[in-house]
Amino acid sequence: MIYDIGIDLGTTYSCLAIMNATGSPTVVKNNQEHDTTPSVITYDNGEFCVGETAKDQAPFAECTVEAVKRNMSEADTWRMTIGGKEYGPIELSARIVRKLVDDFLEKYPDAELKSATITCPAYFGPKEREATRQAGIIAGFEEVNIIEEPTAAAISYGLKNSGEKNILVYDLGGGTFDVTIMRVAENKFKVLSTDGDCNLGGKDWDAALIEIIKQKVCENGNLTIEELESDDDALTDIRTKAEGQKISLSSLKEVKGAVRIGTSTVKYVVSREEFEMATAGELQATMMKVDSALESAKLTMDDIDDIVLVGGSTRMPQVKAGLISTYPSCESKIHVHDPDLAVATGAAIYQNTRDVEVENVVDPVSGKTVEGKIAKFAPTMGSIEIEKVLSHTMGVKVWDNVEKKDLISNIIFKNCPLPIKNKGEYCVNHDHQTALNVQIFQSDFEESDDNREVAVEECEEVGSFLVDIPSDSCEGEAVFVTIEANEKADIICTCTFRDITKSHTLAAKGLLNDEQIRSARKSIMG
């Protein structure tokens, strides 16, 4: 039987949901009957373990992997040696997805793994989205659809709250932050703007609390920070307790704890006020992103009908208080909507609307084509229309002959509706040039005349490709570079010189090839 599967692949916790027989989204509990599964991987005695057991044994395991989602932006370079073998964030993320799938199959043994929708932060670029898709393929799916987490949450929220309105989704998860503004009308979701930070989330609040506790322990135990940090058991104890104490501070004014250091036990007390003061900078960073998203959408908070809080970290009282302090008129608009589950259930709803036929499927393990194989997905609800925007500004490196330095010439800009396509005209640098090195950069610049050309150091290189040209090329001869982003946010860059044209799809650079995907899948699935 084919189920509509939606997966929230989170930094700290992940979740799987399906559409049930009555057409309602349902979270599938894991094998310990919990709605969410820790995104933690351990390796010990030659075996991998994922989830709650891994989190429990992390302090004692040979190797522990946490918050791997934060490394998706480095999927082409980041590697971790585990058991003598190197793994990247794609293969490790696949193990988390596979854990969700295995627990699902225990409850639904009749299920066939065909297609799933996996979510990612709205602020993920093409490389991170493709990395997420490949993780799903390695975990056992034949097709993986990618949808942004705030959009999935808005779909889940919109299902229960009908009417035409402007929604601001404030999504503060364990490792990432997104803010997305969209216009919702029945089953139509039009993204107006998005912003965020892939390295800002609940983990940073945990880190701040750990530092507070360390300071308290040093003060109360008459220790130096060096003495405390030399005690691995004490540090492990502090880190283990911090997450739970952070959660407790959402309902308590203070938390108490004790740490064993050598033969002594040192007690400490942390107040909510201390915690909120220590994390005021992180909270302010999210408010600045909200400001940026409103400005990009050309709206004020008065134009927003509903503010939807999703992500477990939005349970912290300072989040709601911060929004109200920044935007005093917004208090009645704030809605906490299934913070831990809305993204997964929204993904399942979206997957349910997919109407896909897959013929002659290539089996990722054997590499052989299975003839005549058709998977039909019949939606039980009307199709959902999603209009997206570009998450990052994209441009190419050029030489400024006046300033005598490299600059980035921006071609398409963030928060422009998708699909989008634009062209820049450049030139050959010198006579008899035989190749063009097209280097693609992304940034956060908004569209304006002042941001057409910007400094290289303010941008990030995300891809490059070479175009061979005839040796009779002349200095100043025209070169055209087109960058387009389709509805899926795939970035395609095309360079044209005379009658020579070469295109490059950004998402594919540096990630796993088909053979690597087959090998990784075989390793996980046996």
Protein backbone atom coordinates (compact mmCIF):
# COMPACT_ATOMS: atom_id res chain seq x y z
CA MET A 1 0.00 0.00 0.00
CA ILE A 2 1.24 3.48 -0.86
CA TYR A 3 1.10 6.07 1.91
CA ASP A 4 1.54 9.82 1.63
CA ILE A 5 4.64 10.40 3.75
CA GLY A 6 5.87 13.75 5.04
CA ILE A 7 9.15 14.06 6.92
CA ASP A 8 10.45 16.94 9.01
CA LEU A 9 14.19 16.33 8.98
CA GLY A 10 15.20 18.50 11.91
CA THR A 11 18.47 19.60 13.46
CA THR A 12 17.64 18.26 16.92
CA TYR A 13 14.42 16.27 16.40
CA SER A 14 12.78 14.72 13.35
CA CYS A 15 9.24 13.57 12.69
CA LEU A 16 7.28 11.46 10.17
CA ALA A 17 3.61 11.95 9.33
CA ILE A 18 1.17 10.33 6.90
CA MET A 19 -2.32 10.98 5.60
CA ASN A 20 -4.63 8.46 7.25
CA ALA A 21 -7.61 6.64 5.76
CA THR A 22 -9.94 9.54 6.62
CA GLY A 23 -7.77 12.07 4.82
CA SER A 24 -6.29 13.65 7.94
CA PRO A 25 -2.57 14.13 8.65
CA THR A 26 -1.31 11.85 11.42
CA VAL A 27 2.07 11.74 13.10
CA VAL A 28 3.50 8.22 13.26
CA LYS A 29 5.07 7.62 16.66
CA ASN A 30 8.50 6.04 16.83
CA ASN A 31 9.21 2.64 18.37
CA GLN A 32 9.27 4.23 21.82
CA GLU A 33 5.83 5.76 21.18
CA HIS A 34 7.08 9.33 20.98
CA ASP A 35 6.01 11.80 18.27
CA THR A 36 9.52 13.01 17.52
CA THR A 37 12.88 11.27 17.26
CA PRO A 38 16.19 12.85 18.30
CA SER A 39 18.39 13.57 15.28
CA VAL A 40 21.33 11.96 17.05
CA ILE A 41 23.64 9.26 15.68
CA THR A 42 26.15 7.24 17.67
CA TYR A 43 28.73 4.69 16.63
CA ASP A 44 30.05 2.09 19.06
CA ASN A 45 31.40 -1.44 18.76
CA GLY A 46 31.12 -1.30 14.98
CA GLU A 47 27.42 -0.38 14.92
CA PHE A 48 25.39 2.77 14.25
CA CYS A 49 22.50 3.75 16.47
CA VAL A 50 20.00 6.54 15.76
CA GLY A 51 17.35 8.26 17.83
CA GLU A 52 16.49 8.12 21.51
CA THR A 53 18.79 5.23 22.34
CA ALA A 54 21.62 7.06 20.60
CA LYS A 55 20.92 10.21 22.59
CA ASP A 56 20.96 8.24 25.86
CA GLN A 57 24.24 6.51 25.10
CA ALA A 58 25.92 9.54 23.49
CA PRO A 59 28.09 10.36 26.55
CA PHE A 60 29.58 6.86 26.43
CA ALA A 61 29.73 6.14 22.70
CA GLU A 62 32.89 5.95 20.65
CA CYS A 63 31.51 8.62 18.30
CA THR A 64 28.46 10.89 18.43
CA VAL A 65 26.96 13.03 15.63
CA GLU A 66 24.50 15.81 16.44
CA ALA A 67 23.09 18.77 14.51
CA VAL A 68 24.34 17.35 11.20
CA LYS A 69 21.74 19.45 9.38
CA ARG A 70 23.91 22.50 10.03
CA ASN A 71 26.57 20.93 7.81
CA MET A 72 24.31 20.57 4.77
CA SER A 73 25.73 23.82 3.38
CA GLU A 74 29.11 22.04 3.33
CA ALA A 75 27.78 18.79 1.88
CA ASP A 76 30.51 18.84 -0.76
CA THR A 77 33.40 19.31 1.69
CA TRP A 78 32.46 18.38 5.27
CA ARG A 79 33.50 14.85 6.30
CA MET A 80 33.61 12.94 9.58
CA THR A 81 35.64 9.77 10.11
CA ILE A 82 33.56 7.08 11.84
CA GLY A 83 34.86 3.56 12.28
CA GLY A 84 37.69 4.22 9.85
CA LYS A 85 35.37 5.43 7.07
CA GLU A 86 34.48 8.96 6.00
CA TYR A 87 30.85 10.13 6.04
CA GLY A 88 29.30 13.38 4.89
CA PRO A 89 26.11 15.10 6.04
CA ILE A 90 24.07 13.48 3.26
CA GLU A 91 24.83 9.90 4.32
CA LEU A 92 24.41 10.75 8.01
CA SER A 93 21.11 12.54 7.41
CA ALA A 94 19.97 9.48 5.45
CA ARG A 95 20.46 7.36 8.57
CA ILE A 96 18.12 9.67 10.49
CA VAL A 97 15.50 9.43 7.73
CA ARG A 98 15.91 5.66 7.62
CA LYS A 99 15.32 5.42 11.38
CA LEU A 100 12.00 7.22 10.91
CA VAL A 101 11.14 4.91 8.02
CA ASP A 102 12.05 1.72 9.92
CA ASP A 103 9.84 2.74 12.86
CA PHE A 104 7.05 3.57 10.40
CA LEU A 105 7.36 0.18 8.68
CA GLU A 106 7.06 -1.61 12.03
CA LYS A 107 3.58 -0.11 12.38
CA TYR A 108 2.66 -0.23 8.68
CA PRO A 109 4.33 -3.40 7.31
CA ASP A 110 2.15 -3.24 4.18
CA ALA A 111 3.65 0.10 3.15
CA GLU A 112 5.60 0.53 -0.08
CA LEU A 113 8.28 3.19 -0.12
CA LYS A 114 7.65 5.17 -3.28
CA SER A 115 7.71 8.88 -2.70
CA ALA A 116 7.96 11.29 0.21
CA THR A 117 8.07 15.00 0.85
CA ILE A 118 10.98 16.07 3.06
CA THR A 119 11.18 19.57 4.44
CA CYS A 120 14.10 21.96 4.59
CA PRO A 121 14.59 25.52 5.85
CA ALA A 122 13.30 28.17 3.46
CA TYR A 123 16.75 29.67 3.58
CA PHE A 124 18.42 26.53 2.18
CA GLY A 125 20.02 27.10 -1.21
CA PRO A 126 20.15 24.69 -4.16
CA LYS A 127 23.05 22.67 -2.74
CA GLU A 128 21.36 22.08 0.63
CA ARG A 129 18.05 21.18 -1.04
CA GLU A 130 19.72 18.66 -3.32
CA ALA A 131 21.64 17.24 -0.35
CA THR A 132 18.34 16.77 1.50
CA ARG A 133 16.79 15.09 -1.54
CA GLN A 134 19.75 12.70 -1.88
CA ALA A 135 19.48 11.78 1.82
CA GLY A 136 15.88 10.71 1.19
CA ILE A 137 16.85 8.63 -1.85
CA ILE A 138 19.59 6.88 0.13
CA ALA A 139 17.05 6.17 2.89
CA GLY A 140 14.92 4.15 0.48
CA PHE A 141 12.58 6.44 -1.47
CA GLU A 142 12.38 6.43 -5.26
CA GLU A 143 11.28 10.05 -5.46
CA VAL A 144 11.72 12.87 -2.95
CA ASN A 145 9.89 16.18 -3.10
CA ILE A 146 11.35 19.12 -1.19
CA ILE A 147 9.18 21.75 0.49
CA GLU A 148 10.19 24.60 2.77
CA GLU A 149 9.47 24.14 6.49
CA PRO A 150 7.53 27.42 6.93
CA THR A 151 5.40 26.60 3.88
CA ALA A 152 4.65 23.14 5.27
CA ALA A 153 3.69 24.67 8.61
CA ALA A 154 1.46 27.20 6.84
CA ILE A 155 -0.26 24.37 4.93
CA SER A 156 -0.93 22.58 8.21
CA TYR A 157 -2.19 25.78 9.81
CA GLY A 158 -4.24 26.78 6.76
CA LEU A 159 -6.06 23.45 6.75
CA LYS A 160 -7.56 24.33 10.14
CA ASN A 161 -7.90 28.08 9.63
CA SER A 162 -9.66 28.93 6.39
CA GLY A 163 -9.95 32.35 4.82
CA GLU A 164 -7.80 34.71 2.82
CA LYS A 165 -5.04 36.23 4.93
CA ASN A 166 -1.41 37.25 5.23
CA ILE A 167 0.51 34.82 7.44
CA LEU A 168 3.92 35.31 9.00
CA VAL A 169 5.53 32.00 9.97
CA TYR A 170 8.18 32.36 12.68
CA ASP A 171 10.02 29.03 12.70
CA LEU A 172 12.66 28.64 15.41
CA GLY A 173 13.88 25.06 15.42
CA GLY A 174 16.76 23.35 17.14
CA GLY A 175 19.40 24.51 14.69
CA THR A 176 17.85 26.87 12.14
CA PHE A 177 15.62 29.92 12.03
CA ASP A 178 13.26 30.93 9.24
CA VAL A 179 10.71 33.67 8.82
CA THR A 180 8.37 33.48 5.85
CA ILE A 181 5.52 35.76 4.88
CA MET A 182 2.84 34.39 2.58
CA ARG A 183 -0.59 35.13 1.24
CA VAL A 184 -2.97 32.23 1.88
CA ALA A 185 -6.29 31.77 0.12
CA GLU A 186 -7.93 28.33 0.32
CA ASN A 187 -5.36 25.92 -1.20
CA LYS A 188 -3.17 28.65 -2.67
CA PHE A 189 0.01 29.66 -0.84
CA LYS A 190 1.93 32.58 -2.30
CA VAL A 191 5.26 33.26 -0.63
CA LEU A 192 5.91 37.01 -0.48
CA SER A 193 9.31 36.95 1.22
CA THR A 194 11.58 34.76 3.27
CA ASP A 195 14.66 35.24 5.41
CA GLY A 196 16.54 33.31 8.04
CA ASP A 197 19.75 31.90 9.41
CA CYS A 198 20.86 28.29 8.99
CA ASN A 199 23.11 28.61 12.05
CA LEU A 200 20.68 30.04 14.58
CA GLY A 201 18.38 27.89 16.67
CA GLY A 202 17.64 26.26 19.99
CA LYS A 203 21.15 24.79 20.10
CA ASP A 204 22.47 28.33 20.54
CA TRP A 205 20.15 28.88 23.51
CA ASP A 206 21.44 25.57 24.94
CA ALA A 207 25.01 26.78 24.50
CA ALA A 208 24.24 30.02 26.34
CA LEU A 209 22.67 28.13 29.23
CA ILE A 210 25.69 25.81 29.41
CA GLU A 211 27.96 28.84 29.76
CA ILE A 212 25.78 30.25 32.55
CA ILE A 213 25.89 26.94 34.43
CA LYS A 214 29.65 26.65 34.02
CA GLN A 215 30.09 30.15 35.43
CA LYS A 216 27.79 29.37 38.38
CA VAL A 217 29.59 26.11 39.14
CA CYS A 218 32.96 27.84 39.07
CA GLU A 219 31.75 30.58 41.39
CA ASN A 220 30.00 28.26 43.84
CA GLY A 221 32.72 25.61 43.81
CA ASN A 222 35.64 28.04 43.92
CA LEU A 223 36.99 26.63 40.65
CA THR A 224 38.69 28.11 37.63
CA ILE A 225 37.12 27.53 34.22
CA GLU A 226 40.22 25.51 33.30
CA GLU A 227 39.69 23.18 36.26
CA LEU A 228 36.05 22.66 35.35
CA GLU A 229 36.73 22.06 31.68
CA SER A 230 39.39 19.49 32.52
CA ASP A 231 36.67 17.33 34.13
CA ASP A 232 35.02 15.55 31.17
CA ASP A 233 32.37 13.88 33.33
CA ALA A 234 31.29 17.21 34.83
CA LEU A 235 31.06 18.86 31.41
CA THR A 236 29.04 15.95 30.04
CA ASP A 237 26.69 16.21 33.00
CA ILE A 238 26.21 19.96 32.45
CA ARG A 239 25.52 19.54 28.72
CA THR A 240 23.09 16.68 29.32
CA LYS A 241 21.12 18.67 31.89
CA ALA A 242 21.08 21.97 29.96
CA GLU A 243 18.48 21.00 27.35
CA GLY A 244 16.00 19.79 29.95
CA GLN A 245 16.60 22.82 32.16
CA LYS A 246 16.05 25.13 29.21
CA ILE A 247 12.66 23.50 28.68
CA SER A 248 11.89 23.83 32.40
CA LEU A 249 12.65 27.56 32.28
CA SER A 250 9.72 27.97 29.90
CA SER A 251 7.37 27.24 32.80
CA LEU A 252 9.53 27.96 35.88
CA LYS A 253 11.12 31.19 37.08
CA GLU A 254 14.31 29.32 37.99
CA VAL A 255 15.91 25.90 37.85
CA LYS A 256 18.23 24.21 40.31
CA GLY A 257 20.93 21.66 39.63
CA ALA A 258 24.05 20.01 40.99
CA VAL A 259 27.26 18.83 39.36
CA ARG A 260 29.67 16.23 40.72
CA ILE A 261 33.29 17.40 40.43
CA GLY A 262 35.81 15.00 41.86
CA THR A 263 34.63 14.19 45.36
CA SER A 264 32.52 17.36 45.70
CA THR A 265 28.99 18.23 44.59
CA VAL A 266 28.45 21.83 43.49
CA LYS A 267 24.92 23.21 43.42
CA TYR A 268 23.68 26.06 41.24
CA VAL A 269 20.53 28.05 40.47
CA VAL A 270 19.73 29.71 37.11
CA SER A 271 16.84 32.14 36.77
CA ARG A 272 14.77 32.68 33.66
CA GLU A 273 15.78 36.35 33.77
CA GLU A 274 19.47 35.43 33.64
CA PHE A 275 18.85 33.03 30.77
CA GLU A 276 16.85 35.56 28.78
CA MET A 277 19.47 38.27 29.29
CA ALA A 278 22.19 35.92 28.07
CA THR A 279 20.23 35.06 24.92
CA ALA A 280 18.86 38.53 24.14
CA GLY A 281 21.27 38.82 21.22
CA GLU A 282 20.02 35.60 19.62
CA LEU A 283 16.40 36.71 20.01
CA GLN A 284 17.18 40.14 18.56
CA ALA A 285 18.80 38.45 15.56
CA THR A 286 15.48 36.73 14.79
CA MET A 287 13.60 40.03 15.10
CA MET A 288 15.97 41.63 12.61
CA LYS A 289 15.14 38.83 10.17
CA VAL A 290 11.42 39.48 10.74
CA ASP A 291 12.02 43.16 9.93
CA SER A 292 13.90 42.20 6.78
CA ALA A 293 11.13 39.83 5.63
CA LEU A 294 8.44 42.48 6.19
CA GLU A 295 10.47 45.06 4.28
CA SER A 296 11.03 42.66 1.38
CA ALA A 297 7.32 41.88 1.24
CA LYS A 298 6.57 45.63 1.35
CA LEU A 299 4.32 45.07 4.36
CA THR A 300 4.16 46.19 7.98
CA MET A 301 3.08 44.08 10.93
CA ASP A 302 -0.32 45.80 10.68
CA ASP A 303 -0.79 44.03 7.32
CA ILE A 304 -0.22 40.59 8.90
CA ASP A 305 -3.35 38.70 9.96
CA ASP A 306 -1.76 35.73 11.75
CA ILE A 307 1.67 35.08 13.23
CA VAL A 308 2.24 31.32 13.37
CA LEU A 309 4.90 30.06 15.76
CA VAL A 310 6.40 26.69 14.90
CA GLY A 311 9.51 24.87 16.07
CA GLY A 312 10.00 23.61 19.60
CA SER A 313 12.10 26.62 20.61
CA THR A 314 9.10 28.96 20.16
CA ARG A 315 7.77 27.57 23.44
CA MET A 316 10.27 29.81 25.23
CA PRO A 317 8.27 32.75 26.71
CA GLN A 318 10.85 35.24 25.49
CA VAL A 319 9.89 34.55 21.86
CA LYS A 320 6.30 35.73 22.23
CA ALA A 321 7.39 38.52 24.57
CA GLY A 322 10.03 39.62 22.06
CA LEU A 323 7.52 39.81 19.23
CA ILE A 324 5.09 41.81 21.35
CA SER A 325 7.84 44.15 22.54
CA THR A 326 9.02 44.73 18.96
CA TYR A 327 5.52 44.91 17.47
CA PRO A 328 3.10 45.99 20.26
CA SER A 329 -0.01 45.53 18.13
CA CYS A 330 0.69 41.89 17.26
CA GLU A 331 -0.25 40.14 20.52
CA SER A 332 -3.71 39.02 19.38
CA LYS A 333 -2.29 37.70 16.11
CA ILE A 334 0.15 35.19 17.63
CA HIS A 335 -0.79 31.52 17.35
CA VAL A 336 1.31 28.61 18.61
CA HIS A 337 0.51 25.83 16.14
CA ASP A 338 1.75 22.30 16.93
CA PRO A 339 5.35 23.55 17.31
CA ASP A 340 6.96 20.11 17.02
CA LEU A 341 4.57 18.51 14.53
CA ALA A 342 3.18 21.13 12.14
CA VAL A 343 6.04 20.86 9.65
CA ALA A 344 5.73 17.07 9.29
CA THR A 345 1.93 17.12 9.02
CA GLY A 346 2.08 19.93 6.47
CA ALA A 347 4.57 17.90 4.43
CA ALA A 348 2.20 14.90 4.51
CA ILE A 349 -0.68 17.08 3.30
CA TYR A 350 1.47 18.42 0.48
CA GLN A 351 2.59 14.92 -0.47
CA ASN A 352 -1.06 13.87 -0.59
CA THR A 353 -1.73 16.41 -3.32
CA ARG A 354 1.06 15.11 -5.52
CA ASP A 355 -0.26 13.33 -8.59
CA VAL A 356 2.77 11.53 -9.95
CA GLU A 357 3.31 8.64 -12.32
CA VAL A 358 6.70 6.92 -12.24
CA GLU A 359 7.50 4.61 -15.15
CA ASN A 360 10.56 2.45 -15.74
CA VAL A 361 12.05 3.22 -12.35
CA VAL A 362 15.82 2.76 -11.92
CA ASP A 363 16.42 0.72 -8.78
CA PRO A 364 19.09 2.66 -6.81
CA VAL A 365 20.66 -0.53 -5.39
CA SER A 366 21.00 -2.63 -8.55
CA GLY A 367 21.13 0.25 -11.01
CA LYS A 368 18.75 -1.69 -13.29
CA THR A 369 15.55 -0.33 -14.80
CA VAL A 370 12.35 -2.01 -13.61
CA GLU A 371 10.16 -2.12 -16.72
CA GLY A 372 6.55 -1.02 -16.61
CA LYS A 373 6.59 -0.10 -12.92
CA ILE A 374 3.99 2.56 -12.18
CA ALA A 375 3.28 4.27 -8.87
CA LYS A 376 0.12 6.35 -8.87
CA PHE A 377 -0.54 8.85 -6.11
CA ALA A 378 -4.23 9.69 -5.84
CA PRO A 379 -4.83 12.79 -3.71
CA THR A 380 -7.77 12.80 -1.30
CA MET A 381 -7.90 16.58 -1.21
CA GLY A 382 -7.63 19.34 -3.78
CA SER A 383 -4.26 20.25 -5.22
CA ILE A 384 -2.17 22.80 -3.37
CA GLU A 385 -0.66 25.65 -5.33
CA ILE A 386 2.55 27.11 -3.97
CA GLU A 387 4.22 30.17 -5.41
CA LYS A 388 7.77 30.47 -4.09
CA VAL A 389 10.43 33.16 -4.01
CA LEU A 390 14.18 33.00 -4.49
CA SER A 391 15.97 32.54 -1.16
CA HIS A 392 19.32 34.11 -2.15
CA THR A 393 20.62 36.68 -4.60
CA MET A 394 22.74 35.06 -7.33
CA GLY A 395 25.50 36.62 -9.41
CA VAL A 396 28.87 36.02 -11.07
CA LYS A 397 32.40 37.30 -10.47
CA VAL A 398 33.54 39.96 -12.95
CA TRP A 399 36.64 42.11 -13.38
CA ASP A 400 36.11 45.85 -12.93
CA ASN A 401 38.58 47.44 -15.32
CA VAL A 402 38.08 50.89 -13.77
CA GLU A 403 38.56 49.90 -10.13
CA LYS A 404 41.02 47.17 -11.12
CA LYS A 405 39.44 44.56 -8.86
CA ASP A 406 36.98 41.69 -8.86
CA LEU A 407 33.32 42.36 -8.09
CA ILE A 408 30.18 40.28 -7.97
CA SER A 409 27.64 41.24 -10.60
CA ASN A 410 24.20 40.22 -9.30
CA ILE A 411 21.76 38.90 -11.88
CA ILE A 412 18.71 37.60 -9.96
CA PHE A 413 17.71 38.78 -6.49
CA LYS A 414 16.34 37.17 -3.34
CA ASN A 415 12.59 37.25 -2.71
CA CYS A 416 11.77 37.60 -6.41
CA PRO A 417 8.90 35.27 -7.41
CA LEU A 418 9.82 31.96 -9.03
CA PRO A 419 10.38 31.11 -11.80
CA ILE A 420 12.80 33.92 -12.59
CA LYS A 421 15.36 34.44 -15.34
CA ASN A 422 17.68 37.33 -16.09
CA LYS A 423 20.74 38.00 -18.22
CA GLY A 424 23.93 39.99 -17.75
CA GLU A 425 26.24 41.19 -20.50
CA TYR A 426 30.00 41.03 -19.89
CA CYS A 427 33.11 40.82 -22.02
CA VAL A 428 36.30 38.92 -22.75
CA ASN A 429 39.18 40.22 -20.62
CA HIS A 430 42.01 39.97 -23.14
CA ASP A 431 42.82 38.99 -26.71
CA HIS A 432 43.21 35.28 -27.50
CA GLN A 433 41.52 34.18 -24.29
CA THR A 434 40.72 30.44 -24.60
CA ALA A 435 38.39 29.86 -21.64
CA LEU A 436 35.83 31.64 -19.49
CA ASN A 437 35.72 30.74 -15.80
CA VAL A 438 32.15 31.38 -14.68
CA GLN A 439 32.11 31.63 -10.88
CA ILE A 440 28.67 31.81 -9.26
CA PHE A 441 28.13 33.59 -5.94
CA GLN A 442 25.15 33.94 -3.61
CA SER A 443 24.37 36.70 -1.11
CA ASP A 444 21.60 38.36 0.88
CA PHE A 445 21.44 41.65 -1.00
CA GLU A 446 17.97 42.98 -1.80
CA GLU A 447 17.24 44.19 -5.31
CA SER A 448 18.32 47.79 -5.88
CA ASP A 449 20.53 49.75 -8.25
CA ASP A 450 23.17 50.00 -5.50
CA ASN A 451 23.33 46.21 -5.20
CA ARG A 452 23.91 45.37 -8.87
CA GLU A 453 27.64 45.11 -8.23
CA VAL A 454 28.94 44.27 -4.74
CA ALA A 455 32.17 43.31 -3.01
CA VAL A 456 33.38 39.71 -3.38
CA GLU A 457 33.98 39.32 0.36
CA GLU A 458 30.30 39.96 1.07
CA CYS A 459 29.23 36.95 -1.01
CA GLU A 460 29.73 33.19 -0.97
CA GLU A 461 30.91 31.13 -3.94
CA VAL A 462 28.51 28.27 -4.61
CA GLY A 463 29.66 26.91 -7.96
CA SER A 464 31.75 27.39 -11.08
CA PHE A 465 32.25 25.99 -14.57
CA LEU A 466 34.60 26.51 -17.53
CA VAL A 467 33.57 27.45 -21.05
CA ASP A 468 36.13 26.85 -23.79
CA ILE A 469 36.17 29.58 -26.43
CA PRO A 470 38.12 30.05 -29.70
CA SER A 471 41.61 31.50 -29.43
CA ASP A 472 40.72 34.31 -31.87
CA SER A 473 38.60 35.94 -29.14
CA CYS A 474 39.11 39.66 -28.70
CA GLU A 475 39.26 41.85 -25.62
CA GLY A 476 35.84 43.44 -25.05
CA GLU A 477 33.94 40.86 -27.10
CA ALA A 478 30.49 40.21 -25.64
CA VAL A 479 29.81 37.36 -23.20
CA PHE A 480 26.28 36.75 -21.94
CA VAL A 481 25.50 35.02 -18.66
CA THR A 482 21.95 34.00 -17.80
CA ILE A 483 20.87 32.77 -14.38
CA GLU A 484 17.45 31.26 -13.92
CA ALA A 485 15.65 29.63 -11.01
CA ASN A 486 12.72 27.33 -11.73
CA GLU A 487 9.67 26.58 -9.57
CA LYS A 488 11.69 24.07 -7.56
CA ALA A 489 14.36 26.74 -6.87
CA ASP A 490 16.96 24.86 -8.96
CA ILE A 491 19.59 27.32 -10.21
CA ILE A 492 20.72 27.03 -13.84
CA CYS A 493 23.51 29.26 -15.11
CA THR A 494 24.12 29.57 -18.86
CA CYS A 495 27.09 31.24 -20.53
CA THR A 496 26.98 32.22 -24.21
CA PHE A 497 29.87 33.40 -26.39
CA ARG A 498 29.23 33.74 -30.11
CA ASP A 499 27.45 30.48 -31.01
CA ILE A 500 28.87 28.58 -28.01
CA THR A 501 26.49 27.94 -25.13
CA LYS A 502 27.14 25.97 -21.95
CA SER A 503 24.80 25.47 -18.99
CA HIS A 504 25.48 24.40 -15.42
CA THR A 505 22.94 23.27 -12.83
CA LEU A 506 24.15 24.52 -9.50
CA ALA A 507 22.63 21.88 -7.22
CA ALA A 508 24.63 19.03 -8.71
CA LYS A 509 28.11 20.41 -7.99
CA GLY A 510 30.17 18.45 -5.52
CA LEU A 511 27.40 16.21 -4.20
CA LEU A 512 27.03 12.44 -4.46
CA ASN A 513 26.90 10.80 -7.88
CA ASP A 514 24.60 7.87 -8.74
CA GLU A 515 27.18 5.25 -7.83
CA GLN A 516 27.87 6.86 -4.45
CA ILE A 517 24.13 7.05 -3.77
CA ARG A 518 23.69 3.36 -4.62
CA SER A 519 26.63 2.41 -2.38
CA ALA A 520 25.38 4.51 0.54
CA ARG A 521 21.87 3.11 0.16
CA LYS A 522 23.13 -0.45 0.15
CA SER A 523 25.18 0.27 3.27
CA ILE A 524 22.16 1.59 5.16
CA MET A 525 19.53 -0.86 3.92
CA GLY A 526 21.72 -3.96 3.79
